Structures are given as C-alpha cells and as structure tokens.
C-alpha cells in the first residue's frame, strides 16, 4: 500500500556549491573517461527567438531576467526503469551553458556492450538562492504538452551513449511561467519540489436499469484558496474500464497532490465517461467540490491507503466532500477539533435538500469500542456552543460506537418539517462529540471535540 507522504524535496540539495556566471567560468574538462562508463553533459539552449516573439498562434511565456544557476534532471538508462533524479550546477564557457560534472552523470555501460541508451525525462533550470535552487526560469517541455510546439525535440529525449566518451547534448528549453505550469507537460510539483500526498478514488455507475458497473471517468484538479479556484494541477486524468477473462474491471485512480505546511485545499471535478459495450453515461461532471489535505488523510490507516468510493445513479450517491453540482441543495462542513486534553479530530458534513437533511460524521482518536453521543448545537462558536439543537442519533435510537481503532463513521438522512428546515441556520451551528474516561470511569456526556459549520459556496 502507499505511504502517507512522498517528497521531492531531495531534489534540492542545500550543500551544493553555486558557480556564479559573474565569476570565472569553467569549461568542460577534457579528462580521460573509463571505457566502463559514458559521461553525460547537458547544455540548456534557450529557444530565444520563440521566447521573444509569438511566432505561432499561441503566445509563449514571459522570460525571467535571472541567470541560470542549477539544473534539475531526471533520466533513465539501459534496461533500468528506475529514474535518476539529481540537481547540478550550471556552468558556462565560450561555447555556452553546460551542466557541471556529477557522479550520477557517469552512466555505466553493461559488460560486453559498447553503448548504453539514455532517456531524458525532466529538465528544469533554476536561478540561485544563496547557493541553492531559487525559482524555476526555464523548462524543457514534454511531448504532447501545449508548449511542445515551441521546440524541435520535446522530452522524453532518447539517445545512445558510447562507452569511454564524454558526451555533450543540447536540451531545448523555453521560459517558465508558473501561471501556465500545466502547459509544459509536468506536474507542477515536479518543477517546484514540495511534499506530496496521494489520493485514490474508485467509482460505480448505475444506469436506469439499476445494474452496477465499475465507472469510467476522468478527474480534473485545481488548487483552491480563499474561496477561489486557482492553477490547474491535473486535467482529465482518466480511469477506463479494462477487460480480463471476459469481465470488465477498473483499478482505483490514484494521483499525488502538493501537501505544504498548513492546510492545502484542492477543487476536484469528476466527469463520468461512456463505457462502450457497457453503458452510456450522462456526459457531464457528476461530482465536484473542495477537499483538504486533512480530509485526504482520513483515508489513511497507518501506512495503508483507502480510496474515496463514489457511486452515481445507485441510490446512495457520492459521499462527502464531493456533491452533484446539478442538485439544488445547501452544503455545510465542519472541521472537528479536540477539546481540552483529548486528541479527537474529524469532519462533519450536512446536505440540506428541501426538507431532507443528510448528515455524515467521520472522527478518529476516540475511545475505542465506546458509544459517543454527538449533536448539532445551537451556537456558532466552539467557545460557547450552547445547548443541543439536533441530536445525531442512530435510526434505532442511541448513538454510534467507535471501532477498535477509535474511528467513528456515521451517516443518516433525516426528514425535517418545513419549519425545521427554514429555521435550521446550520452556518450558525456547531457539532460536538462526547465521551471520555475521567478518573477511570467512562463518561459518555463529557465533550471531547467540536467543529464550527460553514456553508460551502463553490
């Protein structure tokens, strides 16, 4: 199973020595090379004409005036599928720019062979920030990306290196504009190293016949902050049906998202696709909404990663935090935080559609195998949440019990009267979870966590 976080921060090496273009430049050393390796040197070549003039229909990104100082490089070689990821200094001589020597650029040649195949997959040029990479200024676009048209040889670029040689290879780059990061063919966080978190999903679709099918769908993701959709991270990631032994199946769709310090938010759209031979889909976005990195972490149990499972047309459709954008309803969310000396945390979701109230509570770090009363309270602040406004009970009475890991999962739909719905004012309410041990005795009425509801407006 997948790990909670992955990091590309190792690409930025804080101890690298920076050779300034204003100092004495160093040429490529003409030293003998072992016949067991081929030494690779890469020279970034800025496509200057295209970067100064929009010669084609699509304009090119603006250039920075900063000097190139470091190159972030990823490549594979030989029969290995393991990528080599390094950051090296950029030097220059009378012939132009080139990458400084690094042991990782000594490509081993298999015994008995005279050449080795190398495929360059990433090439990003940075300016300098006190001896370390600062800002991305140039990027080699990838084949199939919007900006691939501006170079003659977009990545991936593959060639043969001969043993015993020191090979110099030009790499065409264009200027980088982070407003258009997705147009270069990179995930933006491979250009700007940040910690990552993985999110997986799996879907089912039920046509009018009621039969369940694994869904074929695409997912697009944007950054989200301050109530606004920002830069696109992914466009149309596709989960398609596959066939094995005459049966259709689908794997969970997993992708990485930036997980910086503090809370990150992502706006997500799930588009249901047709599945030829299986069903005709509605051809629209079926679920959309904002999810935070903290919500994604609720799908992790230790090192194990569960997936967000949605259904469409099957009765109990998409669970929070995503909702069908065509359904007229009010949506509310509360981030549940611990009170006093407890560690309970979680999320609560409300969907008010007419007089129907759908409630969901997900919480962790509760006392295992204990019943935990929970209520919507009258006031808007956890500093003074007031009396009970609406108990979140089970259909048969009583309250839900946390499992052996202290995790509580609750969902119930209530039928309100018209007056109750009109007076709900959930944006001015809180949710409170109860139940903890005090002096050796479990007291179900003791409050342990609270969350303040806010209405979702996207």
Protein backbone atom coordinates (compact mmCIF):
# COMPACT_ATOMS: atom_id res chain seq x y z
CA UNK A 1 0.00 0.00 0.00
CA UNK A 2 1.03 3.58 -0.46
CA UNK A 3 2.84 5.73 2.09
CA UNK A 4 1.16 8.77 3.59
CA UNK A 5 3.57 11.26 2.09
CA UNK A 6 6.22 11.29 -0.58
CA UNK A 7 8.69 14.08 -1.07
CA UNK A 8 10.57 15.55 -3.96
CA UNK A 9 12.46 17.88 -1.65
CA UNK A 10 15.58 15.72 -2.02
CA UNK A 11 15.99 17.26 -5.45
CA UNK A 12 17.04 20.50 -3.78
CA UNK A 13 20.48 19.92 -2.25
CA UNK A 14 21.26 22.63 0.27
CA UNK A 15 25.00 21.95 0.30
CA UNK A 16 25.54 22.46 -3.44
CA UNK A 17 28.22 24.96 -4.38
CA UNK A 18 26.99 27.71 -6.69
CA UNK A 19 29.25 28.93 -9.50
CA UNK A 20 28.14 32.44 -10.42
CA UNK A 21 28.09 33.46 -14.07
CA UNK A 22 29.88 36.64 -12.95
CA UNK A 23 32.91 34.64 -11.75
CA UNK A 24 35.46 32.69 -13.72
CA UNK A 25 33.64 30.23 -15.92
CA UNK A 26 34.72 26.61 -16.06
CA UNK A 27 34.98 24.66 -19.30
CA UNK A 28 34.13 21.03 -19.82
CA UNK A 29 37.12 19.06 -18.58
CA UNK A 30 38.96 17.08 -21.21
CA UNK A 31 39.90 14.22 -18.92
CA UNK A 32 40.10 10.56 -19.90
CA UNK A 33 36.92 8.56 -19.37
CA UNK A 34 36.79 4.91 -18.32
CA UNK A 35 35.61 2.53 -21.01
CA UNK A 36 33.07 1.20 -18.47
CA UNK A 37 31.08 4.44 -18.39
CA UNK A 38 29.84 7.27 -20.60
CA UNK A 39 29.84 10.76 -19.04
CA UNK A 40 26.82 12.90 -19.90
CA UNK A 41 26.87 16.70 -20.06
CA UNK A 42 23.69 18.62 -20.91
CA UNK A 43 23.59 22.12 -22.34
CA UNK A 44 20.38 24.10 -21.93
CA UNK A 45 19.66 26.05 -25.10
CA UNK A 46 17.03 28.75 -24.70
CA UNK A 47 14.81 29.00 -27.76
CA UNK A 48 15.38 32.72 -27.71
CA UNK A 49 13.57 33.72 -30.90
CA UNK A 50 10.37 31.97 -29.93
CA UNK A 51 10.56 33.32 -26.40
CA UNK A 52 10.89 36.90 -27.65
CA UNK A 53 8.33 36.69 -30.42
CA UNK A 54 4.98 34.93 -30.57
CA UNK A 55 5.59 33.39 -33.99
CA UNK A 56 2.83 30.87 -33.63
CA UNK A 57 -0.82 31.11 -32.78
CA UNK A 58 -0.27 30.55 -29.07
CA UNK A 59 1.83 33.12 -27.23
CA UNK A 60 4.86 31.92 -25.33
CA UNK A 61 5.54 32.52 -21.62
CA UNK A 62 7.42 35.58 -20.40
CA UNK A 63 11.10 35.25 -19.56
CA UNK A 64 12.85 35.97 -16.30
CA UNK A 65 15.99 38.09 -16.34
CA UNK A 66 17.60 35.88 -13.69
CA UNK A 67 20.75 33.95 -14.57
CA UNK A 68 20.57 30.14 -14.89
CA UNK A 69 22.35 28.52 -11.96
CA UNK A 70 21.09 24.96 -11.37
CA UNK A 71 19.57 22.17 -13.43
CA UNK A 72 17.06 19.63 -12.11
CA UNK A 73 17.46 16.48 -14.21
CA UNK A 74 15.59 13.16 -14.38
CA UNK A 75 16.57 10.31 -16.70
CA UNK A 76 16.58 6.54 -17.06
CA UNK A 77 19.21 4.42 -18.76
CA UNK A 78 19.80 0.90 -20.04
CA UNK A 79 17.26 -1.70 -19.02
CA UNK A 80 16.56 0.03 -15.71
CA UNK A 81 13.18 1.66 -15.14
CA UNK A 82 14.41 3.44 -12.01
CA UNK A 83 14.67 7.20 -12.57
CA UNK A 84 17.79 9.09 -11.62
CA UNK A 85 16.87 12.48 -10.08
CA UNK A 86 19.65 14.99 -9.47
CA UNK A 87 20.30 18.71 -9.21
CA UNK A 88 23.62 20.04 -10.56
CA UNK A 89 25.18 23.44 -11.08
CA UNK A 90 25.10 25.10 -14.49
CA UNK A 91 28.47 26.39 -15.73
CA UNK A 92 29.45 28.25 -18.89
CA UNK A 93 32.35 28.82 -21.28
CA UNK A 94 32.81 30.44 -24.68
CA UNK A 95 30.57 27.76 -26.21
CA UNK A 96 27.60 28.36 -23.89
CA UNK A 97 25.98 26.75 -20.86
CA UNK A 98 26.53 23.21 -19.63
CA UNK A 99 25.86 21.08 -16.57
CA UNK A 100 28.63 20.57 -14.03
CA UNK A 101 30.09 17.10 -13.53
CA UNK A 102 28.27 14.82 -11.11
CA UNK A 103 28.90 11.14 -10.39
CA UNK A 104 25.26 10.43 -11.26
CA UNK A 105 26.03 11.58 -14.82
CA UNK A 106 28.56 8.77 -15.21
CA UNK A 107 26.30 6.26 -16.95
CA UNK A 108 27.51 2.66 -16.54
CA UNK A 109 27.80 0.56 -19.69
CA UNK A 110 26.94 -3.10 -19.32
CA UNK A 111 29.78 -5.57 -19.56
CA UNK A 112 30.30 -6.67 -23.14
CA UNK A 113 28.38 -3.68 -24.52
CA UNK A 114 29.77 -0.60 -26.23
CA UNK A 115 26.76 1.71 -25.83
CA UNK A 116 24.01 2.48 -23.35
CA UNK A 117 20.58 4.01 -24.01
CA UNK A 118 19.63 7.13 -22.04
CA UNK A 119 16.18 8.78 -21.91
CA UNK A 120 15.97 12.30 -20.51
CA UNK A 121 12.51 12.77 -18.96
CA UNK A 122 12.78 16.05 -16.98
CA UNK A 123 14.98 19.10 -17.42
CA UNK A 124 14.30 22.22 -15.36
CA UNK A 125 16.58 25.24 -14.92
CA UNK A 126 16.59 27.32 -11.74
CA UNK A 127 18.12 30.62 -10.71
CA UNK A 128 20.11 30.81 -7.49
CA UNK A 129 19.05 31.46 -3.91
CA UNK A 130 22.13 31.55 -1.66
CA UNK A 131 23.72 28.53 -3.29
CA UNK A 132 20.52 26.52 -3.75
CA UNK A 133 17.82 26.50 -6.43
CA UNK A 134 15.57 29.53 -6.10
CA UNK A 135 12.95 29.96 -8.84
CA UNK A 136 12.32 27.97 -11.99
CA UNK A 137 13.21 30.08 -15.04
CA UNK A 138 13.47 27.61 -17.98
CA UNK A 139 11.86 24.24 -18.68
CA UNK A 140 12.23 21.66 -21.46
CA UNK A 141 8.59 20.96 -22.47
CA UNK A 142 7.35 17.42 -22.87
CA UNK A 143 5.93 15.69 -25.91
CA UNK A 144 2.15 16.08 -26.10
CA UNK A 145 2.08 19.24 -23.95
CA UNK A 146 0.75 22.58 -25.14
CA UNK A 147 4.24 24.06 -25.20
CA UNK A 148 5.91 21.17 -27.06
CA UNK A 149 5.31 23.13 -30.29
CA UNK A 150 8.00 25.64 -29.35
CA UNK A 151 10.91 23.19 -29.53
CA UNK A 152 12.13 20.73 -32.14
CA UNK A 153 12.85 17.91 -29.67
CA UNK A 154 10.47 17.85 -26.69
CA UNK A 155 11.10 15.36 -23.91
CA UNK A 156 11.32 12.42 -23.49
CA UNK A 157 14.56 12.53 -25.48
CA UNK A 158 16.42 9.25 -26.02
CA UNK A 159 19.88 8.63 -27.46
CA UNK A 160 22.79 6.17 -27.31
CA UNK A 161 25.97 6.96 -25.39
CA UNK A 162 29.23 5.21 -26.30
CA UNK A 163 31.44 3.82 -23.57
CA UNK A 164 34.56 5.85 -22.85
CA UNK A 165 33.12 9.12 -24.15
CA UNK A 166 32.14 12.42 -22.61
CA UNK A 167 29.01 13.35 -24.49
CA UNK A 168 27.68 16.89 -24.73
CA UNK A 169 23.98 17.12 -25.66
CA UNK A 170 21.89 20.23 -26.18
CA UNK A 171 18.48 20.40 -24.50
CA UNK A 172 15.98 22.93 -25.83
CA UNK A 173 14.27 24.93 -23.10
CA UNK A 174 11.70 27.71 -23.04
CA UNK A 175 10.94 30.26 -20.36
CA UNK A 176 8.81 29.19 -17.41
CA UNK A 177 5.68 31.00 -16.25
CA UNK A 178 4.12 29.36 -13.17
CA UNK A 179 0.71 30.67 -14.20
CA UNK A 180 0.82 28.12 -17.03
CA UNK A 181 2.67 25.31 -15.22
CA UNK A 182 0.44 22.53 -16.54
CA UNK A 183 1.11 23.52 -20.19
CA UNK A 184 4.68 22.23 -20.10
CA UNK A 185 3.61 18.61 -19.54
CA UNK A 186 4.92 18.45 -15.96
CA UNK A 187 3.02 18.13 -12.75
CA UNK A 188 3.80 21.50 -11.21
CA UNK A 189 5.15 19.93 -8.04
CA UNK A 190 7.86 18.09 -10.02
CA UNK A 191 9.02 21.52 -11.14
CA UNK A 192 8.76 23.10 -7.70
CA UNK A 193 9.67 20.40 -5.15
CA UNK A 194 7.10 20.13 -2.35
CA UNK A 195 5.92 17.27 -0.12
CA UNK A 196 3.19 15.19 -1.71
CA UNK A 197 0.14 13.30 -0.52
CA UNK A 198 -1.59 10.60 -2.52
CA UNK A 199 -5.35 10.45 -3.10
CA UNK A 200 -7.18 7.50 -4.65
CA UNK A 201 -10.75 7.03 -5.83
CA UNK A 202 -12.97 4.33 -7.28
CA UNK A 203 -16.42 4.71 -8.79
CA UNK A 204 -19.57 2.83 -9.75
CA UNK A 205 -22.30 3.86 -12.14
CA UNK A 206 -25.89 2.63 -12.24
CA UNK A 207 -27.88 3.37 -15.40
CA UNK A 208 -31.70 3.48 -15.19
CA UNK A 209 -31.77 -0.33 -15.26
CA UNK A 210 -30.22 -0.27 -11.77
CA UNK A 211 -27.33 -2.55 -12.63
CA UNK A 212 -23.97 -1.65 -11.03
CA UNK A 213 -20.97 -1.08 -13.29
CA UNK A 214 -17.44 -0.02 -12.47
CA UNK A 215 -17.37 3.57 -13.68
CA UNK A 216 -15.25 5.02 -16.45
CA UNK A 217 -14.49 8.63 -15.54
CA UNK A 218 -11.99 11.48 -15.72
CA UNK A 219 -10.75 13.73 -12.94
CA UNK A 220 -9.50 17.31 -13.08
CA UNK A 221 -7.95 19.05 -10.09
CA UNK A 222 -7.15 22.69 -9.31
CA UNK A 223 -5.56 24.49 -6.40
CA UNK A 224 -8.12 26.25 -4.21
CA UNK A 225 -7.57 29.08 -1.73
CA UNK A 226 -9.59 31.88 -0.19
CA UNK A 227 -12.78 30.70 -1.87
CA UNK A 228 -11.24 30.85 -5.37
CA UNK A 229 -10.20 28.18 -7.86
CA UNK A 230 -6.53 28.61 -8.76
CA UNK A 231 -3.98 26.92 -11.03
CA UNK A 232 -4.85 23.57 -12.55
CA UNK A 233 -2.89 20.62 -11.22
CA UNK A 234 -4.38 17.83 -13.37
CA UNK A 235 -6.56 17.86 -16.45
CA UNK A 236 -8.65 14.82 -17.39
CA UNK A 237 -6.88 12.01 -15.56
CA UNK A 238 -8.77 9.00 -16.91
CA UNK A 239 -9.87 5.78 -15.26
CA UNK A 240 -11.04 3.49 -18.07
CA UNK A 241 -12.64 0.08 -17.87
CA UNK A 242 -10.41 -2.86 -18.70
CA UNK A 243 -11.29 -6.44 -19.56
CA UNK A 244 -9.86 -9.66 -18.21
CA UNK A 245 -11.27 -13.13 -18.80
CA UNK A 246 -14.36 -11.60 -20.38
CA UNK A 247 -15.09 -9.37 -17.37
CA UNK A 248 -14.81 -5.58 -17.18
CA UNK A 249 -12.99 -4.11 -14.22
CA UNK A 250 -11.38 -0.84 -13.13
CA UNK A 251 -8.49 -0.06 -10.81
CA UNK A 252 -8.61 2.81 -8.32
CA UNK A 253 -7.33 6.04 -9.82
CA UNK A 254 -4.50 7.46 -7.69
CA UNK A 255 -2.65 10.75 -8.02
CA UNK A 256 -0.34 12.89 -5.92
CA UNK A 257 -1.17 16.36 -4.63
CA UNK A 258 1.01 19.04 -3.04
CA UNK A 259 0.97 18.90 0.75
CA UNK A 260 2.67 22.01 2.01
CA UNK A 261 2.91 23.28 5.57
CA UNK A 262 -0.52 24.28 6.84
CA UNK A 263 -3.79 23.35 5.18
CA UNK A 264 -3.98 22.80 1.43
CA UNK A 265 -7.26 22.80 -0.49
CA UNK A 266 -7.99 21.30 -3.89
CA UNK A 267 -11.03 21.76 -6.14
CA UNK A 268 -11.99 18.49 -7.87
CA UNK A 269 -14.33 17.64 -10.75
CA UNK A 270 -15.29 14.05 -11.65
CA UNK A 271 -16.67 13.61 -15.18
CA UNK A 272 -18.49 10.35 -15.99
CA UNK A 273 -17.41 8.90 -19.34
CA UNK A 274 -19.23 6.49 -21.64
CA UNK A 275 -18.10 2.86 -21.40
CA UNK A 276 -18.50 1.29 -24.82
CA UNK A 277 -20.25 -2.03 -24.60
CA UNK A 278 -21.28 -1.37 -21.01
CA UNK A 279 -23.34 1.80 -20.64
CA UNK A 280 -23.96 5.32 -21.98
CA UNK A 281 -23.06 7.90 -19.36
CA UNK A 282 -24.73 11.29 -18.77
CA UNK A 283 -21.70 13.03 -20.36
CA UNK A 284 -21.23 15.63 -17.59
CA UNK A 285 -19.50 16.44 -14.31
CA UNK A 286 -21.27 14.24 -11.78
CA UNK A 287 -19.36 15.27 -8.65
CA UNK A 288 -17.38 18.35 -7.70
CA UNK A 289 -16.18 20.17 -4.63
CA UNK A 290 -13.23 21.04 -2.42
CA UNK A 291 -11.19 18.59 -0.39
CA UNK A 292 -8.37 19.44 2.01
CA UNK A 293 -5.16 17.56 2.73
CA UNK A 294 -6.54 16.86 6.21
CA UNK A 295 -9.61 15.21 4.68
CA UNK A 296 -7.42 13.10 2.42
CA UNK A 297 -5.50 11.92 5.48
CA UNK A 298 -8.71 10.41 6.85
CA UNK A 299 -8.31 7.77 4.11
CA UNK A 300 -5.05 6.60 5.68
CA UNK A 301 -4.77 3.99 8.39
CA UNK A 302 -1.13 3.86 9.32
CA UNK A 303 0.69 3.11 6.09
CA UNK A 304 -2.45 1.78 4.40
CA UNK A 305 -4.35 3.95 1.94
CA UNK A 306 -8.07 3.51 1.36
CA UNK A 307 -9.86 5.16 -1.53
CA UNK A 308 -12.77 7.55 -1.92
CA UNK A 309 -15.61 5.38 -3.25
CA UNK A 310 -18.34 7.18 -5.13
CA UNK A 311 -21.48 5.92 -6.82
CA UNK A 312 -23.72 7.66 -9.30
CA UNK A 313 -27.30 6.69 -10.06
CA UNK A 314 -27.15 3.91 -7.50
CA UNK A 315 -29.31 5.42 -4.77
CA UNK A 316 -26.61 6.32 -2.25
CA UNK A 317 -24.53 8.54 -4.49
CA UNK A 318 -21.28 10.42 -3.97
CA UNK A 319 -20.30 10.70 -0.29
CA UNK A 320 -18.82 13.95 1.04
CA UNK A 321 -16.88 16.03 0.40
CA UNK A 322 -17.96 15.98 -3.27
CA UNK A 323 -21.52 16.59 -4.48
CA UNK A 324 -23.54 16.52 -7.68
CA UNK A 325 -23.40 20.13 -8.96
CA UNK A 326 -26.81 19.80 -10.66
CA UNK A 327 -28.65 19.04 -7.39
CA UNK A 328 -30.07 22.10 -5.67
CA UNK A 329 -29.03 21.81 -2.03
CA UNK A 330 -27.13 23.63 0.69
CA UNK A 331 -23.88 22.05 1.81
CA UNK A 332 -22.08 22.61 5.12
CA UNK A 333 -18.79 21.35 6.53
CA UNK A 334 -17.20 21.46 9.99
CA UNK A 335 -13.60 20.63 10.86
CA UNK A 336 -13.85 18.87 14.23
CA UNK A 337 -11.02 19.68 16.64
CA UNK A 338 -10.23 18.27 20.06
CA UNK A 339 -11.24 19.97 23.27
CA UNK A 340 -9.16 20.11 26.44
CA UNK A 341 -6.78 17.15 26.80
CA UNK A 342 -8.30 14.87 24.14
CA UNK A 343 -6.99 14.09 20.65
CA UNK A 344 -10.29 13.53 18.85
CA UNK A 345 -10.48 15.05 15.36
CA UNK A 346 -12.66 14.66 12.29
CA UNK A 347 -15.12 16.21 9.87
CA UNK A 348 -18.89 16.63 9.77
CA UNK A 349 -20.92 17.26 6.61
CA UNK A 350 -24.52 18.37 6.14
CA UNK A 351 -26.58 18.49 2.96
CA UNK A 352 -29.98 20.18 3.21
CA UNK A 353 -32.10 19.46 0.14
CA UNK A 354 -35.56 20.86 0.69
CA UNK A 355 -36.64 19.25 3.94
CA UNK A 356 -34.20 16.34 3.66
CA UNK A 357 -31.09 16.57 5.85
CA UNK A 358 -28.24 14.20 5.04
CA UNK A 359 -25.61 14.03 7.80
CA UNK A 360 -22.14 12.48 7.81
CA UNK A 361 -19.60 12.41 10.65
CA UNK A 362 -16.08 10.97 10.37
CA UNK A 363 -13.93 11.09 13.50
CA UNK A 364 -10.75 9.50 14.84
CA UNK A 365 -8.82 9.20 18.10
CA UNK A 366 -11.97 8.48 20.09
CA UNK A 367 -12.10 5.89 22.84
CA UNK A 368 -12.27 2.52 21.17
CA UNK A 369 -15.42 0.40 21.35
CA UNK A 370 -17.28 3.13 23.25
CA UNK A 371 -20.53 4.86 22.37
CA UNK A 372 -20.02 8.55 21.59
CA UNK A 373 -23.04 10.88 21.74
CA UNK A 374 -22.98 13.61 19.12
CA UNK A 375 -25.19 16.62 18.49
CA UNK A 376 -25.59 19.72 16.40
CA UNK A 377 -25.51 22.56 18.94
CA UNK A 378 -27.27 25.91 18.89
CA UNK A 379 -24.40 28.39 18.72
CA UNK A 380 -21.82 29.19 16.05
CA UNK A 381 -18.66 29.09 18.18
CA UNK A 382 -16.92 26.20 19.89
CA UNK A 383 -16.02 28.65 22.67
CA UNK A 384 -19.74 28.66 23.56
CA UNK A 385 -21.62 26.03 21.58
CA UNK A 386 -24.80 26.28 23.64
CA UNK A 387 -27.49 23.66 24.02
CA UNK A 388 -28.43 20.80 21.73
CA UNK A 389 -30.16 21.80 18.50
CA UNK A 390 -30.34 18.39 16.79
CA UNK A 391 -29.13 15.00 18.11
CA UNK A 392 -27.23 12.87 15.59
CA UNK A 393 -28.65 9.54 16.69
CA UNK A 394 -28.85 6.16 15.01
CA UNK A 395 -32.12 5.25 13.33
CA UNK A 396 -32.94 2.71 16.04
CA UNK A 397 -32.01 5.08 18.84
CA UNK A 398 -28.79 5.64 20.71
CA UNK A 399 -25.50 6.93 19.32
CA UNK A 400 -22.73 5.41 17.19
CA UNK A 401 -19.83 3.45 18.66
CA UNK A 402 -16.17 3.95 17.72
CA UNK A 403 -14.44 0.86 16.35
CA UNK A 404 -11.43 -0.91 17.81
CA UNK A 405 -9.15 1.77 16.30
CA UNK A 406 -11.14 4.64 17.80
CA UNK A 407 -12.68 5.59 14.44
CA UNK A 408 -16.31 6.66 14.19
CA UNK A 409 -18.24 6.64 10.92
CA UNK A 410 -21.80 7.90 10.92
CA UNK A 411 -24.32 8.70 8.21
CA UNK A 412 -28.05 9.26 8.44
CA UNK A 413 -30.72 11.13 6.50
CA UNK A 414 -33.41 12.95 8.47
CA UNK A 415 -36.82 14.16 7.27
CA UNK A 416 -37.41 17.67 8.61
CA UNK A 417 -40.59 19.65 8.73
CA UNK A 418 -40.77 22.77 6.57
CA UNK A 419 -40.47 24.87 9.73
CA UNK A 420 -37.41 22.96 10.95
CA UNK A 421 -35.70 23.35 7.58
CA UNK A 422 -36.46 27.07 7.49
CA UNK A 423 -35.03 27.57 10.98
CA UNK A 424 -32.01 25.31 10.57
CA UNK A 425 -29.39 28.08 10.06
CA UNK A 426 -26.63 25.47 10.01
CA UNK A 427 -23.96 28.06 9.19
CA UNK A 428 -24.56 29.34 12.72
CA UNK A 429 -24.30 25.93 14.39
CA UNK A 430 -21.59 23.66 15.79
CA UNK A 431 -21.19 19.90 16.09
CA UNK A 432 -19.96 18.41 19.36
CA UNK A 433 -18.75 14.86 20.07
CA UNK A 434 -18.86 13.46 23.60
CA UNK A 435 -17.44 10.57 25.60
CA UNK A 436 -14.17 10.12 27.52
CA UNK A 437 -12.77 8.46 30.60
CA UNK A 438 -12.50 10.63 33.69
CA UNK A 439 -10.75 9.28 36.81
CA UNK A 440 -11.02 5.74 35.48
CA UNK A 441 -14.71 5.97 34.61
CA UNK A 442 -16.10 6.41 31.09
CA UNK A 443 -18.46 9.37 30.99
CA UNK A 444 -20.50 9.47 27.78
CA UNK A 445 -21.63 13.06 28.35
CA UNK A 446 -18.15 14.59 28.52
CA UNK A 447 -17.43 16.78 25.42
CA UNK A 448 -14.25 15.78 23.57
CA UNK A 449 -14.33 17.62 20.21
CA UNK A 450 -16.15 20.44 18.45
CA UNK A 451 -16.44 21.85 14.94
CA UNK A 452 -17.98 25.05 13.58
CA UNK A 453 -20.15 24.66 10.46
CA UNK A 454 -19.64 26.88 7.43
CA UNK A 455 -21.66 26.87 4.23
CA UNK A 456 -19.89 25.74 1.06
CA UNK A 457 -20.37 28.18 -1.80
CA UNK A 458 -18.37 26.71 -4.72
